[in-house]
Amino acid sequence: MIGRRQLLIGAGGLAAAGLAGRAWHQGLLGGDNPALHAWDEWASQRQAGALKLIGAGVLASSPHNTQPWAFALGRLGVDIFEVPGRNLGTMDPFGRERLAGLGGAIHNMALASTALGRAARVRLLPDAENPGHVARIVLGPDGSGPPPHPLLPFIARRHTHRGPWRGGLVAEAKLAVLLAFPAFAGVKVALFGAGSPAGRRFAALTDDATAAITSDATMMADSHRWFRHDHGEAQRLMDGVTLATSGVSPWLAAAGAMMPAQSAASEGAYWLAATRDTHLPTASLFGLILTQQPHDRRSALLIGSAWQRLHLNATAAGLVAQPLNQLPEMIDREAQMRAAPRFARAADALLDDPAWRPGFCFRLGIADAPANAALRRPVSAVLGPPARLAWEIDQWKAAAGAF
C-alpha cells in the first residue's frame, strides 16, 4: 500500500514536473527558438545582396521591441516604411520613440551596405506625400563602396541588458571607443557619471517618472500589451519583451514562467522595483541624446540612429547598455494630457542649454553576464509589396538615357 507521505511526494513530483513543463513551454529550459533565428542569419552572413541590409535592419533596437518597420526591396536598394500600428499608445503618444526605432534600423542598414562593396546613399523622408516612407537607401554599382565597417560583427551581438550590472568607473579607453562616431545633424550626446551631481539628478528624475508611469493605468496597459509571457504567443508574434529578456536571472525567469501571466499592475510594480534597486544603482554612466526638436520626424530618426551607433560602440568596447526613457515618456504624456509640464521643467536641471531637449535617455556600464537576444521577426515577415518598383524603372530609364 502506498503511504500518505509517498502520495504527497508523488503529488509534489507531478506538480514539479508540470511546472517544469510549463517552463519548457515558455522556452526557458532549452530547445530551438525560431523567433531568434534572425540573429543567426546575420551572424552567419548567409543573406546576399540588398537582402543583407534588411537582415541588419531587423536587428536594430526598438521601443519595447515593437519592431515598427516594413521594407521594400529592389535591385538598386531598399525603402524603409513606418508601421504605425506597432505602437506603444500612451507610452509614446506622438510616435517619437517609434521613429527612433526606425532610425536605428536605418543606421544598421547603412553599416551593412559596406559588406556589399557598393556605395550607399541614405535619403531620409524621401516622399513628402507619404511621411510613413521614412528612408530610401540607394546602392551604387559593385565595387563602389568602402571596405566592410568594423562594427558589422557587433550588429548580432548588441542586446539590451536589463539586469544588474557591476557598477564602477568606465575606463577612458572604452569611453573613447564609445564616442567615436560621426556627427548626426541637430543631435548632441551628453554623458555623466552615475555618481556625479547630474547623475544623481537624472536617477531621481527617472525614479519619479517611473513611479508616475506605473501609477497610470492606461500607460501600463499599453506597455503590458507588448509583454510576451506565453511562449506560444512569443513564437507566433516574434516581438515584445519576454521573461528571458526582462533582466531577471535565468532561474527567476524559469520560476516566473511557471506562474500565471502577470497583470499590467504587477508588471508595473516589478518595473518600478527594478528601476530603483537594479537599473539606477548599478549603472556606471547615464546619458541623454538631445535635440532642439524632439518631435520633428527627421530629428527623431537621427536620435534613433545615434542611439544605435552608441549601443554598437558600447558592445564593441565590452560595455552593456539599456534605454531609460521614462523621463521623455512622461514629458510626452503630460503634453498629451495638456497637464502642467512638471517633468519638462524638471529636465531643465539636467541641461546646459534648455533649448536642447532630451529625446532619448540611457544607462551604460559593465556586466558580468551577457544579455539574452530578443525576439525578432525574420526578413520574410517584414518585406512589403514592391513599392519602389516605379522608382526603379524611372532610374533605369534615366540611366539608359545618359548613354
Protein backbone atom coordinates (compact mmCIF):
# COMPACT_ATOMS: atom_id res chain seq x y z
CA MET A 1 0.00 0.00 0.00
CA ILE A 2 1.19 3.50 -0.79
CA GLY A 3 1.57 5.60 2.35
CA ARG A 4 0.41 9.22 2.74
CA ARG A 5 3.98 10.52 2.67
CA GLN A 6 4.71 8.68 -0.59
CA LEU A 7 1.49 10.03 -2.06
CA LEU A 8 2.41 13.60 -1.16
CA ILE A 9 5.89 13.16 -2.59
CA GLY A 10 4.37 11.72 -5.75
CA ALA A 11 1.92 14.62 -6.00
CA GLY A 12 4.74 17.07 -5.45
CA GLY A 13 6.76 15.39 -8.16
CA LEU A 14 3.84 15.61 -10.56
CA ALA A 15 3.38 19.29 -9.71
CA ALA A 16 7.09 19.97 -10.18
CA ALA A 17 7.02 18.12 -13.47
CA GLY A 18 4.04 20.16 -14.56
CA LEU A 19 5.75 23.42 -13.60
CA ALA A 20 8.96 22.36 -15.33
CA GLY A 21 6.90 21.50 -18.37
CA ARG A 22 5.43 24.99 -18.31
CA ALA A 23 8.92 26.48 -18.11
CA TRP A 24 9.96 24.34 -21.07
CA HIS A 25 6.86 25.56 -22.90
CA GLN A 26 7.98 29.13 -22.18
CA GLY A 27 11.27 28.39 -23.96
CA LEU A 28 13.37 28.93 -20.83
CA LEU A 29 14.77 25.43 -20.37
CA GLY A 30 16.31 24.85 -23.78
CA GLY A 31 15.13 23.95 -27.23
CA ASP A 32 15.29 25.70 -30.58
CA ASN A 33 13.60 29.08 -30.87
CA PRO A 34 12.68 30.18 -34.42
CA ALA A 35 11.99 33.70 -33.09
CA LEU A 36 15.75 34.08 -32.56
CA HIS A 37 16.88 32.84 -35.97
CA ALA A 38 17.20 36.38 -37.37
CA TRP A 39 20.28 36.91 -35.18
CA ASP A 40 21.93 33.78 -36.57
CA GLU A 41 21.01 34.74 -40.12
CA TRP A 42 23.03 37.94 -39.84
CA ALA A 43 25.90 36.42 -37.85
CA SER A 44 26.34 33.63 -40.42
CA GLN A 45 26.29 36.13 -43.32
CA ARG A 46 24.00 33.83 -45.31
CA GLN A 47 21.98 36.72 -46.74
CA ALA A 48 23.07 38.11 -50.09
CA GLY A 49 22.78 41.43 -51.88
CA ALA A 50 20.40 44.11 -50.68
CA LEU A 51 18.62 41.50 -48.57
CA LYS A 52 21.62 41.75 -46.23
CA LEU A 53 20.59 45.33 -45.43
CA ILE A 54 17.17 44.20 -44.23
CA GLY A 55 18.79 41.39 -42.24
CA ALA A 56 20.73 44.05 -40.33
CA GLY A 57 17.75 46.40 -40.06
CA VAL A 58 15.53 43.91 -38.24
CA LEU A 59 18.17 43.56 -35.50
CA ALA A 60 18.01 47.22 -34.52
CA SER A 61 16.82 48.41 -31.14
CA SER A 62 13.16 49.49 -30.96
CA PRO A 63 10.90 50.61 -28.08
CA HIS A 64 9.57 47.57 -26.17
CA ASN A 65 10.79 45.54 -29.16
CA THR A 66 7.81 46.71 -31.22
CA GLN A 67 9.80 46.44 -34.50
CA PRO A 68 7.77 49.19 -36.24
CA TRP A 69 9.16 48.63 -39.73
CA ALA A 70 8.43 47.26 -43.17
CA PHE A 71 10.78 47.14 -46.16
CA ALA A 72 10.54 47.15 -49.94
CA LEU A 73 13.44 45.55 -51.76
CA GLY A 74 14.77 46.43 -55.20
CA ARG A 75 17.86 45.94 -57.29
CA LEU A 76 19.02 49.48 -56.52
CA GLY A 77 18.41 49.37 -52.79
CA VAL A 78 15.78 49.32 -50.06
CA ASP A 79 12.92 51.54 -48.89
CA ILE A 80 12.00 51.68 -45.20
CA PHE A 81 8.44 52.32 -44.03
CA GLU A 82 6.89 53.12 -40.66
CA VAL A 83 4.17 50.76 -39.40
CA PRO A 84 2.04 53.00 -37.13
CA GLY A 85 0.02 50.06 -35.80
CA ARG A 86 3.10 48.74 -34.00
CA ASN A 87 2.88 51.43 -31.36
CA LEU A 88 3.07 51.98 -27.60
CA GLY A 89 -0.11 54.05 -27.33
CA THR A 90 0.06 56.48 -24.42
CA MET A 91 3.64 55.41 -23.67
CA ASP A 92 4.62 57.11 -26.94
CA PRO A 93 1.67 59.32 -27.91
CA PHE A 94 3.49 61.26 -30.64
CA GLY A 95 5.41 58.33 -32.16
CA ARG A 96 8.76 59.81 -31.17
CA GLU A 97 10.19 56.53 -29.85
CA ARG A 98 8.73 54.58 -32.75
CA LEU A 99 10.67 56.81 -35.15
CA ALA A 100 13.81 56.34 -33.06
CA GLY A 101 13.47 52.60 -33.61
CA LEU A 102 13.25 53.20 -37.34
CA GLY A 103 16.32 55.42 -37.16
CA GLY A 104 18.19 52.55 -35.52
CA ALA A 105 17.20 50.22 -38.36
CA ILE A 106 18.34 52.78 -40.94
CA HIS A 107 21.74 53.10 -39.25
CA ASN A 108 22.23 49.33 -39.10
CA MET A 109 21.37 49.12 -42.80
CA ALA A 110 23.80 51.88 -43.73
CA LEU A 111 26.56 50.00 -41.91
CA ALA A 112 25.52 46.73 -43.57
CA SER A 113 25.87 48.29 -47.02
CA THR A 114 29.64 48.27 -46.50
CA ALA A 115 29.51 44.45 -46.57
CA LEU A 116 28.27 44.61 -50.18
CA GLY A 117 31.10 46.61 -51.68
CA ARG A 118 28.54 49.11 -53.03
CA ALA A 119 28.36 52.78 -52.08
CA ALA A 120 25.17 53.67 -50.22
CA ARG A 121 23.29 56.95 -50.15
CA VAL A 122 20.63 57.39 -47.44
CA ARG A 123 17.72 59.76 -48.02
CA LEU A 124 15.51 60.43 -45.01
CA LEU A 125 11.81 61.15 -45.59
CA PRO A 126 12.16 60.99 -49.40
CA ASP A 127 8.44 61.32 -50.20
CA ALA A 128 6.72 64.47 -48.95
CA GLU A 129 3.32 62.97 -49.80
CA ASN A 130 3.99 59.83 -47.74
CA PRO A 131 5.57 60.69 -44.37
CA GLY A 132 5.49 57.00 -43.43
CA HIS A 133 8.15 56.40 -46.08
CA VAL A 134 10.94 57.18 -43.65
CA ALA A 135 14.03 56.42 -45.74
CA ARG A 136 15.41 55.21 -49.04
CA ILE A 137 18.83 53.58 -49.26
CA VAL A 138 20.21 53.76 -52.80
CA LEU A 139 23.05 51.39 -53.66
CA GLY A 140 25.73 52.18 -56.21
CA PRO A 141 27.41 49.72 -58.57
CA ASP A 142 29.57 46.83 -57.41
CA GLY A 143 32.99 47.87 -56.20
CA SER A 144 31.95 51.46 -55.49
CA GLY A 145 31.75 51.22 -51.72
CA PRO A 146 34.12 51.47 -48.75
CA PRO A 147 35.60 48.39 -47.05
CA PRO A 148 33.45 46.47 -44.54
CA HIS A 149 32.82 48.51 -41.40
CA PRO A 150 34.48 47.19 -38.23
CA LEU A 151 31.15 47.31 -36.35
CA LEU A 152 29.49 44.75 -38.66
CA PRO A 153 30.13 41.76 -36.35
CA PHE A 154 28.57 43.62 -33.41
CA ILE A 155 25.18 44.05 -35.09
CA ALA A 156 24.30 40.50 -33.98
CA ARG A 157 25.98 40.86 -30.56
CA ARG A 158 24.18 44.04 -29.48
CA HIS A 159 21.43 43.27 -26.95
CA THR A 160 19.61 45.40 -24.38
CA HIS A 161 20.75 44.42 -20.88
CA ARG A 162 18.01 44.98 -18.28
CA GLY A 163 19.70 43.09 -15.46
CA PRO A 164 22.07 44.04 -12.63
CA TRP A 165 25.48 45.39 -13.57
CA ARG A 166 28.78 45.68 -11.76
CA GLY A 167 28.90 49.46 -11.40
CA GLY A 168 32.19 51.34 -11.09
CA LEU A 169 34.08 53.62 -13.44
CA VAL A 170 34.43 53.06 -17.17
CA ALA A 171 37.99 53.25 -18.47
CA GLU A 172 38.92 56.25 -20.58
CA ALA A 173 39.86 53.97 -23.49
CA LYS A 174 36.36 52.48 -23.51
CA LEU A 175 34.83 55.97 -23.41
CA ALA A 176 36.90 56.92 -26.44
CA VAL A 177 35.55 53.90 -28.35
CA LEU A 178 32.03 54.69 -27.20
CA LEU A 179 32.07 58.26 -28.50
CA ALA A 180 33.85 57.56 -31.79
CA PHE A 181 31.11 58.15 -34.34
CA PRO A 182 30.25 60.76 -36.95
CA ALA A 183 28.08 63.71 -36.04
CA PHE A 184 24.33 63.46 -36.60
CA ALA A 185 22.91 66.82 -37.68
CA GLY A 186 20.94 68.51 -34.91
CA VAL A 187 21.79 65.85 -32.31
CA LYS A 188 24.04 66.03 -29.24
CA VAL A 189 25.08 63.37 -26.72
CA ALA A 190 25.61 64.17 -23.03
CA LEU A 191 27.25 61.59 -20.73
CA PHE A 192 27.74 61.87 -16.98
CA GLY A 193 28.89 59.55 -14.23
CA ALA A 194 26.16 57.87 -12.21
CA GLY A 195 27.64 59.29 -9.01
CA SER A 196 28.03 62.85 -10.31
CA PRO A 197 25.56 65.61 -9.36
CA ALA A 198 23.99 65.33 -12.82
CA GLY A 199 23.86 61.54 -12.48
CA ARG A 200 22.08 61.76 -9.13
CA ARG A 201 19.59 64.27 -10.56
CA PHE A 202 18.95 62.00 -13.54
CA ALA A 203 18.42 58.99 -11.26
CA ALA A 204 15.96 60.89 -9.08
CA LEU A 205 14.01 62.15 -12.10
CA THR A 206 13.94 58.69 -13.69
CA ASP A 207 12.68 57.17 -10.44
CA ASP A 208 9.98 59.84 -10.24
CA ALA A 209 8.98 59.34 -13.89
CA THR A 210 8.83 55.54 -13.46
CA ALA A 211 6.56 55.93 -10.45
CA ALA A 212 4.31 58.25 -12.48
CA ILE A 213 4.11 55.79 -15.39
CA THR A 214 3.41 52.78 -13.20
CA SER A 215 0.61 54.63 -11.43
CA ASP A 216 -1.02 55.50 -14.78
CA ALA A 217 -3.25 52.52 -15.59
CA THR A 218 -3.59 53.46 -19.26
CA MET A 219 0.16 53.73 -19.81
CA MET A 220 0.77 50.42 -18.07
CA ALA A 221 -1.93 48.70 -20.11
CA ASP A 222 -0.28 49.96 -23.31
CA SER A 223 3.12 48.79 -22.08
CA HIS A 224 1.79 45.40 -20.95
CA ARG A 225 0.38 44.76 -24.41
CA TRP A 226 3.97 44.13 -25.57
CA PHE A 227 4.94 41.69 -22.80
CA ARG A 228 5.02 38.09 -24.07
CA HIS A 229 4.57 35.80 -21.09
CA ASP A 230 3.35 32.82 -23.07
CA HIS A 231 5.92 31.03 -25.21
CA GLY A 232 3.36 30.15 -27.87
CA GLU A 233 2.41 33.81 -28.24
CA ALA A 234 6.08 34.79 -28.40
CA GLN A 235 6.73 32.21 -31.11
CA ARG A 236 3.76 33.42 -33.12
CA LEU A 237 4.34 37.18 -32.82
CA MET A 238 8.17 37.24 -32.56
CA ASP A 239 8.23 40.65 -30.88
CA GLY A 240 7.87 42.30 -27.48
CA VAL A 241 9.67 41.72 -24.17
CA THR A 242 9.85 38.26 -22.58
CA LEU A 243 10.86 36.90 -19.20
CA ALA A 244 14.17 35.84 -20.76
CA THR A 245 14.96 39.46 -21.73
CA SER A 246 13.40 41.19 -18.72
CA GLY A 247 16.67 41.29 -16.79
CA VAL A 248 15.97 38.65 -14.15
CA SER A 249 18.30 35.70 -13.69
CA PRO A 250 17.65 32.55 -15.75
CA TRP A 251 16.42 30.75 -12.64
CA LEU A 252 14.00 33.53 -11.73
CA ALA A 253 12.83 33.68 -15.34
CA ALA A 254 12.17 29.94 -15.26
CA ALA A 255 10.35 30.27 -11.95
CA GLY A 256 8.29 33.16 -13.30
CA ALA A 257 7.34 31.13 -16.34
CA MET A 258 5.80 28.53 -14.04
CA MET A 259 3.42 31.09 -12.60
CA PRO A 260 0.27 32.54 -14.20
CA ALA A 261 0.83 35.51 -16.51
CA GLN A 262 1.32 38.73 -14.60
CA SER A 263 -1.07 41.66 -14.83
CA ALA A 264 -0.22 45.15 -16.02
CA ALA A 265 -0.22 46.29 -12.39
CA SER A 266 2.22 43.58 -11.30
CA GLU A 267 4.43 44.37 -14.29
CA GLY A 268 4.47 47.99 -13.16
CA ALA A 269 5.39 47.03 -9.60
CA TYR A 270 8.28 44.88 -10.85
CA TRP A 271 9.46 47.60 -13.25
CA LEU A 272 9.48 50.26 -10.53
CA ALA A 273 11.37 47.98 -8.14
CA ALA A 274 13.88 47.00 -10.85
CA THR A 275 14.47 50.66 -11.73
CA ARG A 276 15.06 51.63 -8.11
CA ASP A 277 17.00 48.59 -6.95
CA THR A 278 18.86 47.50 -10.09
CA HIS A 279 18.89 49.80 -13.12
CA LEU A 280 19.79 53.08 -11.43
CA PRO A 281 22.16 51.95 -8.65
CA THR A 282 24.27 49.58 -10.80
CA ALA A 283 24.87 51.92 -13.76
CA SER A 284 28.29 53.43 -14.41
CA LEU A 285 27.11 56.19 -16.74
CA PHE A 286 23.87 57.88 -17.65
CA GLY A 287 23.32 59.64 -20.93
CA LEU A 288 20.98 61.86 -22.90
CA ILE A 289 20.59 62.23 -26.65
CA LEU A 290 19.45 65.80 -27.20
CA THR A 291 17.81 67.74 -30.00
CA GLN A 292 16.09 71.08 -30.29
CA GLN A 293 13.05 69.46 -31.94
CA PRO A 294 12.35 66.06 -30.32
CA HIS A 295 9.02 65.65 -32.15
CA ASP A 296 10.35 66.56 -35.59
CA ARG A 297 10.33 63.35 -37.64
CA ARG A 298 13.81 63.79 -39.07
CA SER A 299 15.23 64.62 -35.64
CA ALA A 300 13.57 61.56 -34.11
CA LEU A 301 15.07 59.32 -36.81
CA LEU A 302 18.53 60.79 -36.22
CA ILE A 303 18.21 60.30 -32.47
CA GLY A 304 17.48 56.63 -33.10
CA SER A 305 20.48 56.35 -35.41
CA ALA A 306 22.68 57.95 -32.76
CA TRP A 307 21.42 55.51 -30.11
CA GLN A 308 22.05 52.53 -32.37
CA ARG A 309 25.61 53.70 -33.03
CA LEU A 310 26.24 54.34 -29.33
CA HIS A 311 24.96 50.88 -28.44
CA LEU A 312 27.07 49.21 -31.13
CA ASN A 313 30.13 51.13 -29.96
CA ALA A 314 29.38 50.13 -26.37
CA THR A 315 29.16 46.48 -27.39
CA ALA A 316 32.46 46.73 -29.25
CA ALA A 317 34.04 48.25 -26.11
CA GLY A 318 32.78 45.43 -23.89
CA LEU A 319 30.11 47.61 -22.26
CA VAL A 320 26.39 46.98 -21.83
CA ALA A 321 23.52 49.40 -22.35
CA GLN A 322 19.83 49.92 -21.68
CA PRO A 323 17.38 52.68 -22.64
CA LEU A 324 15.86 54.52 -19.67
CA ASN A 325 13.28 56.65 -21.45
CA GLN A 326 10.83 57.20 -18.62
CA LEU A 327 11.61 60.94 -18.41
CA PRO A 328 10.84 61.82 -22.07
CA GLU A 329 7.87 59.43 -21.94
CA MET A 330 6.35 61.41 -19.08
CA ILE A 331 7.16 64.70 -20.81
CA ASP A 332 5.14 63.47 -23.79
CA ARG A 333 2.34 62.09 -21.63
CA GLU A 334 1.90 65.44 -19.86
CA ALA A 335 1.82 67.19 -23.22
CA GLN A 336 -0.78 64.73 -24.49
CA MET A 337 -2.93 65.28 -21.37
CA ARG A 338 -2.41 69.06 -21.52
CA ALA A 339 -1.20 68.82 -17.95
CA ALA A 340 1.30 71.10 -16.24
CA PRO A 341 4.75 70.29 -17.73
CA ARG A 342 6.28 69.15 -14.43
CA PHE A 343 8.75 66.72 -15.97
CA ALA A 344 9.72 69.05 -18.82
CA ARG A 345 10.57 71.74 -16.28
CA ALA A 346 12.41 69.28 -14.04
CA ALA A 347 14.53 68.16 -17.02
CA ASP A 348 15.95 71.68 -17.28
CA ALA A 349 18.18 70.86 -14.30
CA LEU A 350 19.99 68.28 -16.45
CA LEU A 351 20.60 70.57 -19.40
CA ASP A 352 23.38 73.06 -20.05
CA ASP A 353 21.10 74.72 -22.61
CA PRO A 354 17.34 74.18 -22.10
CA ALA A 355 16.82 74.73 -25.83
CA TRP A 356 18.22 71.21 -26.30
CA ARG A 357 15.64 68.69 -25.11
CA PRO A 358 16.08 65.03 -24.11
CA GLY A 359 14.86 62.77 -26.90
CA PHE A 360 16.43 59.59 -25.55
CA CYS A 361 17.88 58.55 -22.17
CA PHE A 362 20.01 55.55 -21.28
CA ARG A 363 22.43 53.88 -18.91
CA LEU A 364 25.83 52.30 -19.68
CA GLY A 365 28.12 50.10 -17.69
CA ILE A 366 29.81 46.77 -17.12
CA ALA A 367 28.09 43.43 -16.53
CA ASP A 368 29.43 40.02 -15.59
CA ALA A 369 26.91 38.13 -17.73
CA PRO A 370 25.75 38.97 -21.28
CA ALA A 371 22.17 39.87 -22.14
CA ASN A 372 19.89 37.46 -23.95
CA ALA A 373 18.86 38.07 -27.54
CA ALA A 374 15.36 39.49 -28.04
CA LEU A 375 12.70 38.02 -30.30
CA ARG A 376 12.85 39.15 -33.93
CA ARG A 377 10.59 38.70 -36.92
CA PRO A 378 12.52 37.30 -39.88
CA VAL A 379 13.23 39.23 -43.05
CA SER A 380 10.46 37.31 -44.82
CA ALA A 381 7.89 38.69 -42.37
CA VAL A 382 8.77 42.37 -42.90
CA LEU A 383 9.05 42.54 -46.68
CA GLY A 384 6.21 44.56 -48.17
CA PRO A 385 4.97 44.90 -51.75
CA PRO A 386 7.38 46.31 -54.37
CA ALA A 387 6.54 49.91 -53.55
CA ARG A 388 9.76 51.09 -55.14
CA LEU A 389 9.18 49.40 -58.49
CA ALA A 390 8.07 52.55 -60.35
CA TRP A 391 11.02 54.48 -58.93
CA GLU A 392 13.45 51.76 -60.04
CA ILE A 393 12.03 51.83 -63.57
CA ASP A 394 12.46 55.61 -63.68
CA GLN A 395 16.08 55.24 -62.51
CA TRP A 396 16.84 52.68 -65.19
CA LYS A 397 15.28 54.89 -67.86
CA ALA A 398 17.32 57.87 -66.69
CA ALA A 399 20.50 55.79 -66.69
CA ALA A 400 19.74 54.46 -70.18
CA GLY A 401 19.12 57.99 -71.47
CA ALA A 402 22.52 59.11 -70.25
CA PHE A 403 24.27 56.89 -72.82
